[in-house]
Amino acid sequence: MVGTDERRDATAAISIPVWQDKLAVRLYGVRTEFDGSFKNNYPNSGNGVASTIAGYNFDGNEGNLGGYDNQAVQASLRFRPIDALTLD
């Protein structure tokens, strides 16, 4: 999805059967970016921010406030040894 103020959202998921109908793996990922709606008048406010200590790198937000940059990944396992029992 693409929106105003440089907003971008992306989501992906895939389920992979490992062992017939008994075992499956699911991988999921999401990424969201938004530069913010409020103009920051502070000098050089559009520059990026980087921290080598925390491993954080933010490319910049075109001088706006209220933005965010998020990403997440998830893996899950489904085990169904018999029809009456499912373990997620």
PDB file of N, CA and C in Angstrom:
ATOM      1  N   MET A   1       0.842  -1.163   0.000  1.00  0.00           N
ATOM      2  CA  MET A   1       0.000   0.000   0.000  1.00  0.00           C
ATOM      3  C   MET A   1       0.900   1.243   0.000  1.00  0.00           C
ATOM      4  N   VAL A   2       0.535   2.231  -0.748  1.00  0.00           N
ATOM      5  CA  VAL A   2       1.262   3.493  -0.815  1.00  0.00           C
ATOM      6  C   VAL A   2       0.285   4.601  -0.470  1.00  0.00           C
ATOM      7  N   GLY A   3       0.725   5.560   0.356  1.00  0.00           N
ATOM      8  CA  GLY A   3      -0.166   6.635   0.767  1.00  0.00           C
ATOM      9  C   GLY A   3       0.532   7.978   0.747  1.00  0.00           C
ATOM     10  N   THR A   4      -0.066   8.957   1.376  1.00  0.00           N
ATOM     11  CA  THR A   4       0.487  10.299   1.426  1.00  0.00           C
ATOM     12  C   THR A   4       1.652  10.364   2.403  1.00  0.00           C
ATOM     13  N   ASP A   5       2.448  11.440   2.318  1.00  0.00           N
ATOM     14  CA  ASP A   5       3.605  11.665   3.191  1.00  0.00           C
ATOM     15  C   ASP A   5       4.574  10.483   3.177  1.00  0.00           C
ATOM     16  N   GLU A   6       4.800   9.930   1.982  1.00  0.00           N
ATOM     17  CA  GLU A   6       5.754   8.828   1.799  1.00  0.00           C
ATOM     18  C   GLU A   6       5.405   7.613   2.656  1.00  0.00           C
ATOM     19  N   ARG A   7       4.138   7.272   2.764  1.00  0.00           N
ATOM     20  CA  ARG A   7       3.734   6.081   3.503  1.00  0.00           C
ATOM     21  C   ARG A   7       3.760   4.869   2.582  1.00  0.00           C
ATOM     22  N   ARG A   8       4.412   3.800   3.069  1.00  0.00           N
ATOM     23  CA  ARG A   8       4.493   2.550   2.336  1.00  0.00           C
ATOM     24  C   ARG A   8       4.320   1.391   3.319  1.00  0.00           C
ATOM     25  N   ASP A   9       3.461   0.440   2.964  1.00  0.00           N
ATOM     26  CA  ASP A   9       3.247  -0.763   3.759  1.00  0.00           C
ATOM     27  C   ASP A   9       3.381  -1.971   2.844  1.00  0.00           C
ATOM     28  N   ALA A  10       4.087  -2.985   3.312  1.00  0.00           N
ATOM     29  CA  ALA A  10       4.218  -4.230   2.554  1.00  0.00           C
ATOM     30  C   ALA A  10       4.085  -5.407   3.514  1.00  0.00           C
ATOM     31  N   THR A  11       3.350  -6.423   3.091  1.00  0.00           N
ATOM     32  CA  THR A  11       3.129  -7.617   3.895  1.00  0.00           C
ATOM     33  C   THR A  11       3.286  -8.849   3.001  1.00  0.00           C
ATOM     34  N   ALA A  12       3.922  -9.893   3.528  1.00  0.00           N
ATOM     35  CA  ALA A  12       4.079 -11.131   2.763  1.00  0.00           C
ATOM     36  C   ALA A  12       4.014 -12.325   3.714  1.00  0.00           C
ATOM     37  N   ALA A  13       3.447 -13.411   3.218  1.00  0.00           N
ATOM     38  CA  ALA A  13       3.379 -14.647   3.996  1.00  0.00           C
ATOM     39  C   ALA A  13       3.442 -15.838   3.050  1.00  0.00           C
ATOM     40  N   ILE A  14       4.034 -16.919   3.543  1.00  0.00           N
ATOM     41  CA  ILE A  14       4.086 -18.155   2.769  1.00  0.00           C
ATOM     42  C   ILE A  14       3.995 -19.344   3.728  1.00  0.00           C
ATOM     43  N   SER A  15       3.211 -20.318   3.356  1.00  0.00           N
ATOM     44  CA  SER A  15       3.104 -21.570   4.120  1.00  0.00           C
ATOM     45  C   SER A  15       3.719 -22.687   3.293  1.00  0.00           C
ATOM     46  N   ILE A  16       4.576 -23.459   3.933  1.00  0.00           N
ATOM     47  CA  ILE A  16       5.298 -24.515   3.236  1.00  0.00           C
ATOM     48  C   ILE A  16       5.021 -25.855   3.925  1.00  0.00           C
ATOM     49  N   PRO A  17       4.394 -26.798   3.231  1.00  0.00           N
ATOM     50  CA  PRO A  17       4.218 -28.121   3.827  1.00  0.00           C
ATOM     51  C   PRO A  17       5.565 -28.858   3.875  1.00  0.00           C
ATOM     52  N   VAL A  18       5.877 -29.406   5.036  1.00  0.00           N
ATOM     53  CA  VAL A  18       7.149 -30.101   5.212  1.00  0.00           C
ATOM     54  C   VAL A  18       6.956 -31.611   5.129  1.00  0.00           C
ATOM     55  N   TRP A  19       5.877 -32.086   5.756  1.00  0.00           N
ATOM     56  CA  TRP A  19       5.635 -33.524   5.800  1.00  0.00           C
ATOM     57  C   TRP A  19       4.146 -33.780   5.600  1.00  0.00           C
ATOM     58  N   GLN A  20       3.728 -34.005   4.383  1.00  0.00           N
ATOM     59  CA  GLN A  20       2.345 -34.245   3.987  1.00  0.00           C
ATOM     60  C   GLN A  20       1.398 -33.270   4.696  1.00  0.00           C
ATOM     61  N   ASP A  21       0.335 -33.789   5.333  1.00  0.00           N
ATOM     62  CA  ASP A  21      -0.595 -32.943   6.082  1.00  0.00           C
ATOM     63  C   ASP A  21      -0.257 -32.913   7.562  1.00  0.00           C
ATOM     64  N   LYS A  22       0.929 -33.364   7.933  1.00  0.00           N
ATOM     65  CA  LYS A  22       1.295 -33.488   9.349  1.00  0.00           C
ATOM     66  C   LYS A  22       2.101 -32.297   9.875  1.00  0.00           C
ATOM     67  N   LEU A  23       2.964 -31.718   9.044  1.00  0.00           N
ATOM     68  CA  LEU A  23       3.872 -30.666   9.509  1.00  0.00           C
ATOM     69  C   LEU A  23       3.991 -29.580   8.448  1.00  0.00           C
ATOM     70  N   ALA A  24       3.857 -28.315   8.872  1.00  0.00           N
ATOM     71  CA  ALA A  24       3.979 -27.173   7.953  1.00  0.00           C
ATOM     72  C   ALA A  24       4.683 -26.020   8.660  1.00  0.00           C
ATOM     73  N   VAL A  25       5.369 -25.208   7.878  1.00  0.00           N
ATOM     74  CA  VAL A  25       6.057 -24.011   8.363  1.00  0.00           C
ATOM     75  C   VAL A  25       5.434 -22.806   7.682  1.00  0.00           C
ATOM     76  N   ARG A  26       5.225 -21.735   8.451  1.00  0.00           N
ATOM     77  CA  ARG A  26       4.685 -20.490   7.892  1.00  0.00           C
ATOM     78  C   ARG A  26       5.657 -19.365   8.199  1.00  0.00           C
ATOM     79  N   LEU A  27       6.014 -18.591   7.176  1.00  0.00           N
ATOM     80  CA  LEU A  27       6.885 -17.430   7.315  1.00  0.00           C
ATOM     81  C   LEU A  27       6.076 -16.176   6.972  1.00  0.00           C
ATOM     82  N   TYR A  28       6.247 -15.134   7.768  1.00  0.00           N
ATOM     83  CA  TYR A  28       5.472 -13.908   7.613  1.00  0.00           C
ATOM     84  C   TYR A  28       6.387 -12.712   7.825  1.00  0.00           C
ATOM     85  N   GLY A  29       6.191 -11.664   7.037  1.00  0.00           N
ATOM     86  CA  GLY A  29       6.968 -10.444   7.207  1.00  0.00           C
ATOM     87  C   GLY A  29       6.132  -9.215   6.893  1.00  0.00           C
ATOM     88  N   VAL A  30       6.441  -8.116   7.574  1.00  0.00           N
ATOM     89  CA  VAL A  30       5.739  -6.856   7.352  1.00  0.00           C
ATOM     90  C   VAL A  30       6.748  -5.706   7.476  1.00  0.00           C
ATOM     91  N   ARG A  31       6.571  -4.694   6.659  1.00  0.00           N
ATOM     92  CA  ARG A  31       7.406  -3.482   6.714  1.00  0.00           C
ATOM     93  C   ARG A  31       6.509  -2.274   6.496  1.00  0.00           C
ATOM     94  N   THR A  32       6.636  -1.274   7.365  1.00  0.00           N
ATOM     95  CA  THR A  32       5.865  -0.044   7.237  1.00  0.00           C
ATOM     96  C   THR A  32       6.796   1.151   7.369  1.00  0.00           C
ATOM     97  N   GLU A  33       6.561   2.157   6.539  1.00  0.00           N
ATOM     98  CA  GLU A  33       7.332   3.407   6.571  1.00  0.00           C
ATOM     99  C   GLU A  33       6.371   4.576   6.451  1.00  0.00           C
ATOM    100  N   PHE A  34       6.646   5.618   7.201  1.00  0.00           N
ATOM    101  CA  PHE A  34       5.839   6.832   7.132  1.00  0.00           C
ATOM    102  C   PHE A  34       6.726   7.994   7.549  1.00  0.00           C
ATOM    103  N   ASP A  35       6.803   9.043   6.735  1.00  0.00           N
ATOM    104  CA  ASP A  35       7.687  10.162   7.031  1.00  0.00           C
ATOM    105  C   ASP A  35       7.098  11.178   7.998  1.00  0.00           C
ATOM    106  N   GLY A  36       5.837  11.069   8.327  1.00  0.00           N
ATOM    107  CA  GLY A  36       5.230  12.013   9.269  1.00  0.00           C
ATOM    108  C   GLY A  36       4.472  13.108   8.554  1.00  0.00           C
ATOM    109  N   SER A  37       3.602  13.755   9.293  1.00  0.00           N
ATOM    110  CA  SER A  37       2.721  14.776   8.721  1.00  0.00           C
ATOM    111  C   SER A  37       3.082  16.201   9.107  1.00  0.00           C
ATOM    112  N   PHE A  38       3.866  16.368  10.166  1.00  0.00           N
ATOM    113  CA  PHE A  38       4.129  17.692  10.708  1.00  0.00           C
ATOM    114  C   PHE A  38       5.513  18.169  10.288  1.00  0.00           C
ATOM    115  N   LYS A  39       5.591  19.390   9.769  1.00  0.00           N
ATOM    116  CA  LYS A  39       6.849  19.954   9.284  1.00  0.00           C
ATOM    117  C   LYS A  39       7.752  20.343  10.447  1.00  0.00           C
ATOM    118  N   ASN A  40       9.014  19.891  10.395  1.00  0.00           N
ATOM    119  CA  ASN A  40      10.018  20.248  11.392  1.00  0.00           C
ATOM    120  C   ASN A  40      10.885  21.352  10.802  1.00  0.00           C
ATOM    121  N   ASN A  41      10.878  22.530  11.410  1.00  0.00           N
ATOM    122  CA  ASN A  41      11.623  23.680  10.905  1.00  0.00           C
ATOM    123  C   ASN A  41      13.044  23.762  11.445  1.00  0.00           C
ATOM    124  N   TYR A  42      13.468  22.810  12.240  1.00  0.00           N
ATOM    125  CA  TYR A  42      14.813  22.803  12.793  1.00  0.00           C
ATOM    126  C   TYR A  42      15.820  22.621  11.656  1.00  0.00           C
ATOM    127  N   PRO A  43      16.951  23.369  11.659  1.00  0.00           N
ATOM    128  CA  PRO A  43      17.945  23.237  10.578  1.00  0.00           C
ATOM    129  C   PRO A  43      18.457  21.794  10.453  1.00  0.00           C
ATOM    130  N   ASN A  44      18.619  21.339   9.237  1.00  0.00           N
ATOM    131  CA  ASN A  44      19.102  19.990   8.917  1.00  0.00           C
ATOM    132  C   ASN A  44      18.180  18.881   9.427  1.00  0.00           C
ATOM    133  N   SER A  45      16.936  19.177   9.642  1.00  0.00           N
ATOM    134  CA  SER A  45      16.012  18.177  10.188  1.00  0.00           C
ATOM    135  C   SER A  45      15.703  17.052   9.203  1.00  0.00           C
ATOM    136  N   GLY A  46      16.000  17.235   7.938  1.00  0.00           N
ATOM    137  CA  GLY A  46      15.733  16.188   6.950  1.00  0.00           C
ATOM    138  C   GLY A  46      16.839  15.162   6.830  1.00  0.00           C
ATOM    139  N   ASN A  47      17.976  15.385   7.521  1.00  0.00           N
ATOM    140  CA  ASN A  47      19.091  14.442   7.440  1.00  0.00           C
ATOM    141  C   ASN A  47      18.764  13.153   8.166  1.00  0.00           C
ATOM    142  N   GLY A  48      19.421  12.101   7.772  1.00  0.00           N
ATOM    143  CA  GLY A  48      19.206  10.806   8.416  1.00  0.00           C
ATOM    144  C   GLY A  48      19.878  10.728   9.769  1.00  0.00           C
ATOM    145  N   VAL A  49      19.508   9.698  10.518  1.00  0.00           N
ATOM    146  CA  VAL A  49      20.062   9.458  11.840  1.00  0.00           C
ATOM    147  C   VAL A  49      20.624   8.038  11.839  1.00  0.00           C
ATOM    148  N   ALA A  50      21.816   7.870  12.396  1.00  0.00           N
ATOM    149  CA  ALA A  50      22.396   6.535  12.479  1.00  0.00           C
ATOM    150  C   ALA A  50      23.054   6.362  13.836  1.00  0.00           C
ATOM    151  N   SER A  51      22.950   5.180  14.408  1.00  0.00           N
ATOM    152  CA  SER A  51      23.576   4.849  15.677  1.00  0.00           C
ATOM    153  C   SER A  51      24.306   3.531  15.508  1.00  0.00           C
ATOM    154  N   THR A  52      25.630   3.562  15.595  1.00  0.00           N
ATOM    155  CA  THR A  52      26.386   2.321  15.453  1.00  0.00           C
ATOM    156  C   THR A  52      26.284   1.479  16.716  1.00  0.00           C
ATOM    157  N   ILE A  53      25.963   2.087  17.845  1.00  0.00           N
ATOM    158  CA  ILE A  53      25.847   1.338  19.100  1.00  0.00           C
ATOM    159  C   ILE A  53      24.619   0.430  19.065  1.00  0.00           C
ATOM    160  N   ALA A  54      23.476   0.985  18.698  1.00  0.00           N
ATOM    161  CA  ALA A  54      22.235   0.207  18.671  1.00  0.00           C
ATOM    162  C   ALA A  54      22.018  -0.487  17.328  1.00  0.00           C
ATOM    163  N   GLY A  55      22.840  -0.198  16.333  1.00  0.00           N
ATOM    164  CA  GLY A  55      22.653  -0.781  15.011  1.00  0.00           C
ATOM    165  C   GLY A  55      21.472  -0.191  14.268  1.00  0.00           C
ATOM    166  N   TYR A  56      21.061   1.003  14.648  1.00  0.00           N
ATOM    167  CA  TYR A  56      19.873   1.652  14.088  1.00  0.00           C
ATOM    168  C   TYR A  56      20.293   2.594  12.977  1.00  0.00           C
ATOM    169  N   ASN A  57      19.577   2.550  11.855  1.00  0.00           N
ATOM    170  CA  ASN A  57      19.869   3.451  10.746  1.00  0.00           C
ATOM    171  C   ASN A  57      18.549   3.935  10.161  1.00  0.00           C
ATOM    172  N   PHE A  58      18.346   5.237  10.183  1.00  0.00           N
ATOM    173  CA  PHE A  58      17.130   5.843   9.642  1.00  0.00           C
ATOM    174  C   PHE A  58      17.546   6.833   8.570  1.00  0.00           C
ATOM    175  N   ASP A  59      17.051   6.662   7.356  1.00  0.00           N
ATOM    176  CA  ASP A  59      17.520   7.435   6.211  1.00  0.00           C
ATOM    177  C   ASP A  59      17.117   8.901   6.224  1.00  0.00           C
ATOM    178  N   GLY A  60      16.176   9.273   7.015  1.00  0.00           N
ATOM    179  CA  GLY A  60      15.699  10.657   7.033  1.00  0.00           C
ATOM    180  C   GLY A  60      14.230  10.710   6.684  1.00  0.00           C
ATOM    181  N   ASN A  61      13.583  11.806   7.038  1.00  0.00           N
ATOM    182  CA  ASN A  61      12.134  11.882   6.867  1.00  0.00           C
ATOM    183  C   ASN A  61      11.700  13.161   6.166  1.00  0.00           C
ATOM    184  N   GLU A  62      12.592  13.722   5.363  1.00  0.00           N
ATOM    185  CA  GLU A  62      12.297  14.942   4.609  1.00  0.00           C
ATOM    186  C   GLU A  62      11.888  16.098   5.513  1.00  0.00           C
ATOM    187  N   GLY A  63      12.391  16.111   6.753  1.00  0.00           N
ATOM    188  CA  GLY A  63      12.142  17.216   7.668  1.00  0.00           C
ATOM    189  C   GLY A  63      10.811  17.156   8.386  1.00  0.00           C
ATOM    190  N   ASN A  64      10.132  16.038   8.355  1.00  0.00           N
ATOM    191  CA  ASN A  64       8.832  15.915   9.007  1.00  0.00           C
ATOM    192  C   ASN A  64       8.951  15.266  10.386  1.00  0.00           C
ATOM    193  N   LEU A  65       7.916  15.458  11.205  1.00  0.00           N
ATOM    194  CA  LEU A  65       7.816  14.832  12.522  1.00  0.00           C
ATOM    195  C   LEU A  65       6.667  13.839  12.525  1.00  0.00           C
ATOM    196  N   GLY A  66       6.723  12.867  13.424  1.00  0.00           N
ATOM    197  CA  GLY A  66       5.627  11.930  13.589  1.00  0.00           C
ATOM    198  C   GLY A  66       5.722  10.704  12.721  1.00  0.00           C
ATOM    199  N   GLY A  67       6.868  10.447  12.130  1.00  0.00           N
ATOM    200  CA  GLY A  67       7.014   9.296  11.249  1.00  0.00           C
ATOM    201  C   GLY A  67       7.497   8.056  11.977  1.00  0.00           C
ATOM    202  N   TYR A  68       7.538   6.953  11.256  1.00  0.00           N
ATOM    203  CA  TYR A  68       8.030   5.706  11.816  1.00  0.00           C
ATOM    204  C   TYR A  68       8.572   4.821  10.699  1.00  0.00           C
ATOM    205  N   ASP A  69       9.344   3.839  11.097  1.00  0.00           N
ATOM    206  CA  ASP A  69       9.975   2.898  10.187  1.00  0.00           C
ATOM    207  C   ASP A  69       9.998   1.553  10.919  1.00  0.00           C
ATOM    208  N   ASN A  70       9.084   0.655  10.637  1.00  0.00           N
ATOM    209  CA  ASN A  70       8.961  -0.597  11.372  1.00  0.00           C
ATOM    210  C   ASN A  70       9.067  -1.804  10.448  1.00  0.00           C
ATOM    211  N   GLN A  71       9.610  -2.872  10.990  1.00  0.00           N
ATOM    212  CA  GLN A  71       9.612  -4.132  10.265  1.00  0.00           C
ATOM    213  C   GLN A  71       9.551  -5.276  11.274  1.00  0.00           C
ATOM    214  N   ALA A  72       8.951  -6.383  10.865  1.00  0.00           N
ATOM    215  CA  ALA A  72       8.813  -7.549  11.730  1.00  0.00           C
ATOM    216  C   ALA A  72       8.800  -8.810  10.874  1.00  0.00           C
ATOM    217  N   VAL A  73       9.327  -9.891  11.439  1.00  0.00           N
ATOM    218  CA  VAL A  73       9.289 -11.191  10.796  1.00  0.00           C
ATOM    219  C   VAL A  73       8.810 -12.207  11.819  1.00  0.00           C
ATOM    220  N   GLN A  74       8.175 -13.255  11.331  1.00  0.00           N
ATOM    221  CA  GLN A  74       7.630 -14.277  12.215  1.00  0.00           C
ATOM    222  C   GLN A  74       7.698 -15.627  11.514  1.00  0.00           C
ATOM    223  N   ALA A  75       7.999 -16.645  12.272  1.00  0.00           N
ATOM    224  CA  ALA A  75       7.966 -18.014  11.763  1.00  0.00           C
ATOM    225  C   ALA A  75       7.095 -18.838  12.712  1.00  0.00           C
ATOM    226  N   SER A  76       6.254 -19.682  12.159  1.00  0.00           N
ATOM    227  CA  SER A  76       5.418 -20.539  12.992  1.00  0.00           C
ATOM    228  C   SER A  76       5.412 -21.957  12.423  1.00  0.00           C
ATOM    229  N   LEU A  77       5.094 -22.878  13.289  1.00  0.00           N
ATOM    230  CA  LEU A  77       5.111 -24.290  12.948  1.00  0.00           C
ATOM    231  C   LEU A  77       3.760 -24.889  13.298  1.00  0.00           C
ATOM    232  N   ARG A  78       3.210 -25.698  12.416  1.00  0.00           N
ATOM    233  CA  ARG A  78       1.955 -26.413  12.676  1.00  0.00           C
ATOM    234  C   ARG A  78       2.231 -27.913  12.588  1.00  0.00           C
ATOM    235  N   PHE A  79       1.881 -28.608  13.673  1.00  0.00           N
ATOM    236  CA  PHE A  79       2.074 -30.057  13.748  1.00  0.00           C
ATOM    237  C   PHE A  79       0.722 -30.697  14.017  1.00  0.00           C
ATOM    238  N   ARG A  80       0.343 -31.624  13.150  1.00  0.00           N
ATOM    239  CA  ARG A  80      -0.948 -32.306  13.260  1.00  0.00           C
ATOM    240  C   ARG A  80      -0.713 -33.816  13.133  1.00  0.00           C
ATOM    241  N   PRO A  81      -0.321 -34.444  14.257  1.00  0.00           N
ATOM    242  CA  PRO A  81       0.007 -35.869  14.190  1.00  0.00           C
ATOM    243  C   PRO A  81      -1.196 -36.752  13.908  1.00  0.00           C
ATOM    244  N   ILE A  82      -2.375 -36.362  14.414  1.00  0.00           N
ATOM    245  CA  ILE A  82      -3.617 -37.072  14.133  1.00  0.00           C
ATOM    246  C   ILE A  82      -4.692 -36.034  13.841  1.00  0.00           C
ATOM    247  N   ASP A  83      -5.767 -36.426  13.211  1.00  0.00           N
ATOM    248  CA  ASP A  83      -6.816 -35.482  12.814  1.00  0.00           C
ATOM    249  C   ASP A  83      -7.442 -34.738  13.998  1.00  0.00           C
ATOM    250  N   ALA A  84      -7.484 -35.370  15.160  1.00  0.00           N
ATOM    251  CA  ALA A  84      -8.130 -34.765  16.326  1.00  0.00           C
ATOM    252  C   ALA A  84      -7.200 -33.829  17.106  1.00  0.00           C
ATOM    253  N   LEU A  85      -5.918 -33.724  16.717  1.00  0.00           N
ATOM    254  CA  LEU A  85      -4.947 -32.921  17.476  1.00  0.00           C
ATOM    255  C   LEU A  85      -4.142 -32.033  16.529  1.00  0.00           C
ATOM    256  N   THR A  86      -4.170 -30.716  16.784  1.00  0.00           N
ATOM    257  CA  THR A  86      -3.358 -29.761  16.036  1.00  0.00           C
ATOM    258  C   THR A  86      -2.570 -28.905  17.009  1.00  0.00           C
ATOM    259  N   LEU A  87      -1.269 -28.817  16.809  1.00  0.00           N
ATOM    260  CA  LEU A  87      -0.394 -27.996  17.650  1.00  0.00           C
ATOM    261  C   LEU A  87       0.163 -26.863  16.791  1.00  0.00           C
ATOM    262  N   ASP A  88      -0.150 -25.634  17.170  1.00  0.00           N
ATOM    263  CA  ASP A  88       0.359 -24.458  16.453  1.00  0.00           C
ATOM    264  C   ASP A  88       1.436 -23.777  17.265  1.00  0.00           C
TER     265      ASP A  88
END
